[in-house]
Amino acid sequence: MAHTFSVNEDVRHQMQGPQGRVGSGQLNIYTIVSRLPLEGDGRPRYRIKSKTENIERVVTEDQLSRCA
């Protein structure tokens, strides 16, 4: 599976709650900083940086969506 998003692209990140459940909070806007190697199960990973806070995360592609 190839990466869908590009470096420097703005995306929405859906926070996950306990045990991987989707959180009820709002979607946060992040910028793709880098593409990372695939997870063991083949899911693409990314390093993302918040547009509003000084936070970086490593997430899988299924947690991201395109900004409208």
PDB file of N, CA and C in Angstrom:
ATOM      1  N   MET A   1       0.855  -1.185   0.000  1.00  0.00           N
ATOM      2  CA  MET A   1       0.000   0.000   0.000  1.00  0.00           C
ATOM      3  C   MET A   1       0.896   1.242   0.000  1.00  0.00           C
ATOM      4  N   ALA A   2       0.635   2.175  -0.878  1.00  0.00           N
ATOM      5  CA  ALA A   2       1.434   3.390  -0.981  1.00  0.00           C
ATOM      6  C   ALA A   2       0.855   4.497  -0.106  1.00  0.00           C
ATOM      7  N   HIS A   3       1.686   5.475   0.215  1.00  0.00           N
ATOM      8  CA  HIS A   3       1.225   6.634   0.974  1.00  0.00           C
ATOM      9  C   HIS A   3       0.273   7.472   0.111  1.00  0.00           C
ATOM     10  N   THR A   4      -0.802   7.944   0.710  1.00  0.00           N
ATOM     11  CA  THR A   4      -1.796   8.758   0.009  1.00  0.00           C
ATOM     12  C   THR A   4      -1.483  10.240   0.107  1.00  0.00           C
ATOM     13  N   PHE A   5      -0.940  10.676   1.256  1.00  0.00           N
ATOM     14  CA  PHE A   5      -0.701  12.090   1.511  1.00  0.00           C
ATOM     15  C   PHE A   5       0.751  12.467   1.226  1.00  0.00           C
ATOM     16  N   SER A   6       0.962  13.746   0.902  1.00  0.00           N
ATOM     17  CA  SER A   6       2.289  14.264   0.568  1.00  0.00           C
ATOM     18  C   SER A   6       2.851  15.097   1.714  1.00  0.00           C
ATOM     19  N   VAL A   7       4.170  15.219   1.745  1.00  0.00           N
ATOM     20  CA  VAL A   7       4.835  16.083   2.724  1.00  0.00           C
ATOM     21  C   VAL A   7       4.357  17.520   2.496  1.00  0.00           C
ATOM     22  N   ASN A   8       4.128  18.260   3.570  1.00  0.00           N
ATOM     23  CA  ASN A   8       3.641  19.643   3.607  1.00  0.00           C
ATOM     24  C   ASN A   8       2.146  19.765   3.301  1.00  0.00           C
ATOM     25  N   GLU A   9       1.434  18.668   3.151  1.00  0.00           N
ATOM     26  CA  GLU A   9      -0.010  18.708   2.929  1.00  0.00           C
ATOM     27  C   GLU A   9      -0.726  18.853   4.276  1.00  0.00           C
ATOM     28  N   ASP A  10      -1.764  19.688   4.322  1.00  0.00           N
ATOM     29  CA  ASP A  10      -2.573  19.834   5.530  1.00  0.00           C
ATOM     30  C   ASP A  10      -3.635  18.737   5.553  1.00  0.00           C
ATOM     31  N   VAL A  11      -3.799  18.121   6.727  1.00  0.00           N
ATOM     32  CA  VAL A  11      -4.747  17.020   6.899  1.00  0.00           C
ATOM     33  C   VAL A  11      -5.506  17.200   8.212  1.00  0.00           C
ATOM     34  N   ARG A  12      -6.588  16.474   8.334  1.00  0.00           N
ATOM     35  CA  ARG A  12      -7.338  16.436   9.593  1.00  0.00           C
ATOM     36  C   ARG A  12      -6.983  15.140  10.302  1.00  0.00           C
ATOM     37  N   HIS A  13      -6.776  15.227  11.611  1.00  0.00           N
ATOM     38  CA  HIS A  13      -6.433  14.048  12.412  1.00  0.00           C
ATOM     39  C   HIS A  13      -7.559  13.779  13.399  1.00  0.00           C
ATOM     40  N   GLN A  14      -8.075  12.568  13.379  1.00  0.00           N
ATOM     41  CA  GLN A  14      -9.119  12.152  14.325  1.00  0.00           C
ATOM     42  C   GLN A  14      -8.434  11.526  15.525  1.00  0.00           C
ATOM     43  N   MET A  15      -8.540  12.183  16.666  1.00  0.00           N
ATOM     44  CA  MET A  15      -7.947  11.660  17.892  1.00  0.00           C
ATOM     45  C   MET A  15      -8.611  10.345  18.258  1.00  0.00           C
ATOM     46  N   GLN A  16      -7.841   9.451  18.880  1.00  0.00           N
ATOM     47  CA  GLN A  16      -8.397   8.189  19.334  1.00  0.00           C
ATOM     48  C   GLN A  16      -8.488   8.191  20.843  1.00  0.00           C
ATOM     49  N   GLY A  17      -9.553   7.611  21.333  1.00  0.00           N
ATOM     50  CA  GLY A  17      -9.753   7.504  22.765  1.00  0.00           C
ATOM     51  C   GLY A  17      -9.116   6.236  23.298  1.00  0.00           C
ATOM     52  N   PRO A  18      -9.481   5.832  24.507  1.00  0.00           N
ATOM     53  CA  PRO A  18      -8.935   4.616  25.110  1.00  0.00           C
ATOM     54  C   PRO A  18      -9.172   3.387  24.240  1.00  0.00           C
ATOM     55  N   GLN A  19      -8.197   2.526  24.180  1.00  0.00           N
ATOM     56  CA  GLN A  19      -8.256   1.259  23.459  1.00  0.00           C
ATOM     57  C   GLN A  19      -8.581   1.442  21.985  1.00  0.00           C
ATOM     58  N   GLY A  20      -8.110   2.554  21.396  1.00  0.00           N
ATOM     59  CA  GLY A  20      -8.260   2.780  19.968  1.00  0.00           C
ATOM     60  C   GLY A  20      -9.624   3.244  19.506  1.00  0.00           C
ATOM     61  N   ARG A  21     -10.539   3.523  20.439  1.00  0.00           N
ATOM     62  CA  ARG A  21     -11.861   4.013  20.040  1.00  0.00           C
ATOM     63  C   ARG A  21     -11.748   5.452  19.567  1.00  0.00           C
ATOM     64  N   VAL A  22     -12.552   5.804  18.589  1.00  0.00           N
ATOM     65  CA  VAL A  22     -12.531   7.165  18.061  1.00  0.00           C
ATOM     66  C   VAL A  22     -12.965   8.123  19.155  1.00  0.00           C
ATOM     67  N   GLY A  23     -12.184   9.170  19.345  1.00  0.00           N
ATOM     68  CA  GLY A  23     -12.496  10.166  20.360  1.00  0.00           C
ATOM     69  C   GLY A  23     -13.666  11.036  19.926  1.00  0.00           C
ATOM     70  N   SER A  24     -14.299  11.664  20.881  1.00  0.00           N
ATOM     71  CA  SER A  24     -15.462  12.491  20.574  1.00  0.00           C
ATOM     72  C   SER A  24     -15.069  13.939  20.298  1.00  0.00           C
ATOM     73  N   GLY A  25     -13.790  14.261  20.446  1.00  0.00           N
ATOM     74  CA  GLY A  25     -13.338  15.625  20.221  1.00  0.00           C
ATOM     75  C   GLY A  25     -13.368  15.998  18.753  1.00  0.00           C
ATOM     76  N   GLN A  26     -13.115  17.268  18.486  1.00  0.00           N
ATOM     77  CA  GLN A  26     -13.147  17.734  17.111  1.00  0.00           C
ATOM     78  C   GLN A  26     -11.894  17.271  16.360  1.00  0.00           C
ATOM     79  N   LEU A  27     -11.967  17.328  15.042  1.00  0.00           N
ATOM     80  CA  LEU A  27     -10.823  16.994  14.221  1.00  0.00           C
ATOM     81  C   LEU A  27      -9.824  18.139  14.274  1.00  0.00           C
ATOM     82  N   ASN A  28      -8.550  17.802  14.366  1.00  0.00           N
ATOM     83  CA  ASN A  28      -7.500  18.800  14.464  1.00  0.00           C
ATOM     84  C   ASN A  28      -6.731  18.875  13.155  1.00  0.00           C
ATOM     85  N   ILE A  29      -6.286  20.081  12.780  1.00  0.00           N
ATOM     86  CA  ILE A  29      -5.540  20.278  11.541  1.00  0.00           C
ATOM     87  C   ILE A  29      -4.043  20.122  11.816  1.00  0.00           C
ATOM     88  N   TYR A  30      -3.404  19.300  11.007  1.00  0.00           N
ATOM     89  CA  TYR A  30      -1.969  19.027  11.097  1.00  0.00           C
ATOM     90  C   TYR A  30      -1.351  19.139   9.712  1.00  0.00           C
ATOM     91  N   THR A  31      -0.040  19.280   9.675  1.00  0.00           N
ATOM     92  CA  THR A  31       0.719  19.278   8.429  1.00  0.00           C
ATOM     93  C   THR A  31       1.589  18.031   8.401  1.00  0.00           C
ATOM     94  N   ILE A  32       1.640  17.347   7.258  1.00  0.00           N
ATOM     95  CA  ILE A  32       2.504  16.179   7.106  1.00  0.00           C
ATOM     96  C   ILE A  32       3.957  16.658   7.115  1.00  0.00           C
ATOM     97  N   VAL A  33       4.743  16.164   8.061  1.00  0.00           N
ATOM     98  CA  VAL A  33       6.160  16.517   8.166  1.00  0.00           C
ATOM     99  C   VAL A  33       7.010  15.522   7.377  1.00  0.00           C
ATOM    100  N   SER A  34       6.671  14.223   7.494  1.00  0.00           N
ATOM    101  CA  SER A  34       7.408  13.201   6.752  1.00  0.00           C
ATOM    102  C   SER A  34       6.574  11.932   6.613  1.00  0.00           C
ATOM    103  N   ARG A  35       6.930  11.171   5.600  1.00  0.00           N
ATOM    104  CA  ARG A  35       6.353   9.840   5.412  1.00  0.00           C
ATOM    105  C   ARG A  35       7.279   8.858   6.105  1.00  0.00           C
ATOM    106  N   LEU A  36       6.711   7.901   6.806  1.00  0.00           N
ATOM    107  CA  LEU A  36       7.501   6.916   7.541  1.00  0.00           C
ATOM    108  C   LEU A  36       7.294   5.541   6.923  1.00  0.00           C
ATOM    109  N   PRO A  37       8.152   4.579   7.285  1.00  0.00           N
ATOM    110  CA  PRO A  37       7.967   3.216   6.768  1.00  0.00           C
ATOM    111  C   PRO A  37       6.607   2.653   7.163  1.00  0.00           C
ATOM    112  N   LEU A  38       6.144   1.680   6.398  1.00  0.00           N
ATOM    113  CA  LEU A  38       4.857   1.044   6.657  1.00  0.00           C
ATOM    114  C   LEU A  38       4.872   0.299   7.985  1.00  0.00           C
ATOM    115  N   GLU A  39       3.688   0.230   8.622  1.00  0.00           N
ATOM    116  CA  GLU A  39       3.500  -0.608   9.806  1.00  0.00           C
ATOM    117  C   GLU A  39       3.698  -2.062   9.390  1.00  0.00           C
ATOM    118  N   GLY A  40       3.823  -2.959  10.346  1.00  0.00           N
ATOM    119  CA  GLY A  40       3.961  -4.378  10.063  1.00  0.00           C
ATOM    120  C   GLY A  40       2.790  -4.950   9.282  1.00  0.00           C
ATOM    121  N   ASP A  41       1.604  -4.347   9.441  1.00  0.00           N
ATOM    122  CA  ASP A  41       0.423  -4.828   8.725  1.00  0.00           C
ATOM    123  C   ASP A  41       0.207  -4.107   7.389  1.00  0.00           C
ATOM    124  N   GLY A  42       1.183  -3.277   6.992  1.00  0.00           N
ATOM    125  CA  GLY A  42       1.127  -2.625   5.684  1.00  0.00           C
ATOM    126  C   GLY A  42       0.510  -1.246   5.660  1.00  0.00           C
ATOM    127  N   ARG A  43       0.064  -0.723   6.818  1.00  0.00           N
ATOM    128  CA  ARG A  43      -0.541   0.616   6.849  1.00  0.00           C
ATOM    129  C   ARG A  43       0.544   1.685   6.778  1.00  0.00           C
ATOM    130  N   PRO A  44       0.372   2.695   5.901  1.00  0.00           N
ATOM    131  CA  PRO A  44       1.322   3.802   5.836  1.00  0.00           C
ATOM    132  C   PRO A  44       1.293   4.628   7.128  1.00  0.00           C
ATOM    133  N   ARG A  45       2.463   5.132   7.530  1.00  0.00           N
ATOM    134  CA  ARG A  45       2.578   5.991   8.715  1.00  0.00           C
ATOM    135  C   ARG A  45       3.138   7.343   8.307  1.00  0.00           C
ATOM    136  N   TYR A  46       2.819   8.358   9.127  1.00  0.00           N
ATOM    137  CA  TYR A  46       3.268   9.721   8.881  1.00  0.00           C
ATOM    138  C   TYR A  46       3.672  10.381  10.192  1.00  0.00           C
ATOM    139  N   ARG A  47       4.595  11.325  10.115  1.00  0.00           N
ATOM    140  CA  ARG A  47       4.860  12.237  11.232  1.00  0.00           C
ATOM    141  C   ARG A  47       4.114  13.512  10.876  1.00  0.00           C
ATOM    142  N   ILE A  48       3.255  13.990  11.799  1.00  0.00           N
ATOM    143  CA  ILE A  48       2.454  15.181  11.559  1.00  0.00           C
ATOM    144  C   ILE A  48       2.707  16.214  12.654  1.00  0.00           C
ATOM    145  N   LYS A  49       2.526  17.489  12.305  1.00  0.00           N
ATOM    146  CA  LYS A  49       2.732  18.592  13.253  1.00  0.00           C
ATOM    147  C   LYS A  49       1.469  19.435  13.290  1.00  0.00           C
ATOM    148  N   SER A  50       1.033  19.757  14.509  1.00  0.00           N
ATOM    149  CA  SER A  50      -0.171  20.560  14.706  1.00  0.00           C
ATOM    150  C   SER A  50       0.027  21.969  14.160  1.00  0.00           C
ATOM    151  N   LYS A  51      -1.047  22.521  13.568  1.00  0.00           N
ATOM    152  CA  LYS A  51      -1.010  23.899  13.078  1.00  0.00           C
ATOM    153  C   LYS A  51      -1.269  24.891  14.206  1.00  0.00           C
ATOM    154  N   THR A  52      -1.838  24.425  15.336  1.00  0.00           N
ATOM    155  CA  THR A  52      -2.218  25.347  16.407  1.00  0.00           C
ATOM    156  C   THR A  52      -1.433  25.151  17.697  1.00  0.00           C
ATOM    157  N   GLU A  53      -0.810  23.989  17.870  1.00  0.00           N
ATOM    158  CA  GLU A  53      -0.058  23.705  19.084  1.00  0.00           C
ATOM    159  C   GLU A  53       1.334  23.203  18.710  1.00  0.00           C
ATOM    160  N   ASN A  54       2.242  23.212  19.662  1.00  0.00           N
ATOM    161  CA  ASN A  54       3.599  22.732  19.427  1.00  0.00           C
ATOM    162  C   ASN A  54       3.654  21.224  19.702  1.00  0.00           C
ATOM    163  N   ILE A  55       2.940  20.453  18.852  1.00  0.00           N
ATOM    164  CA  ILE A  55       2.822  19.008  19.039  1.00  0.00           C
ATOM    165  C   ILE A  55       3.128  18.308  17.723  1.00  0.00           C
ATOM    166  N   GLU A  56       3.925  17.240  17.795  1.00  0.00           N
ATOM    167  CA  GLU A  56       4.130  16.351  16.656  1.00  0.00           C
ATOM    168  C   GLU A  56       3.694  14.958  17.072  1.00  0.00           C
ATOM    169  N   ARG A  57       3.153  14.200  16.118  1.00  0.00           N
ATOM    170  CA  ARG A  57       2.673  12.845  16.375  1.00  0.00           C
ATOM    171  C   ARG A  57       3.096  11.939  15.229  1.00  0.00           C
ATOM    172  N   VAL A  58       3.133  10.645  15.521  1.00  0.00           N
ATOM    173  CA  VAL A  58       3.270   9.637  14.478  1.00  0.00           C
ATOM    174  C   VAL A  58       1.935   8.907  14.432  1.00  0.00           C
ATOM    175  N   VAL A  59       1.323   8.886  13.241  1.00  0.00           N
ATOM    176  CA  VAL A  59      -0.007   8.301  13.086  1.00  0.00           C
ATOM    177  C   VAL A  59      -0.054   7.418  11.844  1.00  0.00           C
ATOM    178  N   THR A  60      -1.044   6.550  11.803  1.00  0.00           N
ATOM    179  CA  THR A  60      -1.273   5.749  10.610  1.00  0.00           C
ATOM    180  C   THR A  60      -2.272   6.483   9.707  1.00  0.00           C
ATOM    181  N   GLU A  61      -2.250   6.124   8.444  1.00  0.00           N
ATOM    182  CA  GLU A  61      -3.053   6.830   7.457  1.00  0.00           C
ATOM    183  C   GLU A  61      -4.556   6.768   7.745  1.00  0.00           C
ATOM    184  N   ASP A  62      -5.005   5.703   8.381  1.00  0.00           N
ATOM    185  CA  ASP A  62      -6.440   5.570   8.658  1.00  0.00           C
ATOM    186  C   ASP A  62      -6.946   6.591   9.683  1.00  0.00           C
ATOM    187  N   GLN A  63      -6.044   7.296  10.350  1.00  0.00           N
ATOM    188  CA  GLN A  63      -6.426   8.337  11.312  1.00  0.00           C
ATOM    189  C   GLN A  63      -6.495   9.716  10.666  1.00  0.00           C
ATOM    190  N   LEU A  64      -6.203   9.806   9.358  1.00  0.00           N
ATOM    191  CA  LEU A  64      -6.134  11.081   8.668  1.00  0.00           C
ATOM    192  C   LEU A  64      -7.205  11.197   7.598  1.00  0.00           C
ATOM    193  N   SER A  65      -7.569  12.436   7.293  1.00  0.00           N
ATOM    194  CA  SER A  65      -8.450  12.719   6.162  1.00  0.00           C
ATOM    195  C   SER A  65      -8.033  14.058   5.546  1.00  0.00           C
ATOM    196  N   ARG A  66      -8.427  14.254   4.321  1.00  0.00           N
ATOM    197  CA  ARG A  66      -8.075  15.497   3.623  1.00  0.00           C
ATOM    198  C   ARG A  66      -8.877  16.670   4.183  1.00  0.00           C
ATOM    199  N   CYS A  67      -8.258  17.831   4.171  1.00  0.00           N
ATOM    200  CA  CYS A  67      -8.971  19.061   4.570  1.00  0.00           C
ATOM    201  C   CYS A  67      -9.899  19.450   3.439  1.00  0.00           C
ATOM    202  N   ALA A  68     -11.065  19.913   3.783  1.00  0.00           N
ATOM    203  CA  ALA A  68     -12.053  20.296   2.756  1.00  0.00           C
ATOM    204  C   ALA A  68     -11.793  21.678   2.240  1.00  0.00           C
TER     205      ALA A  68
END
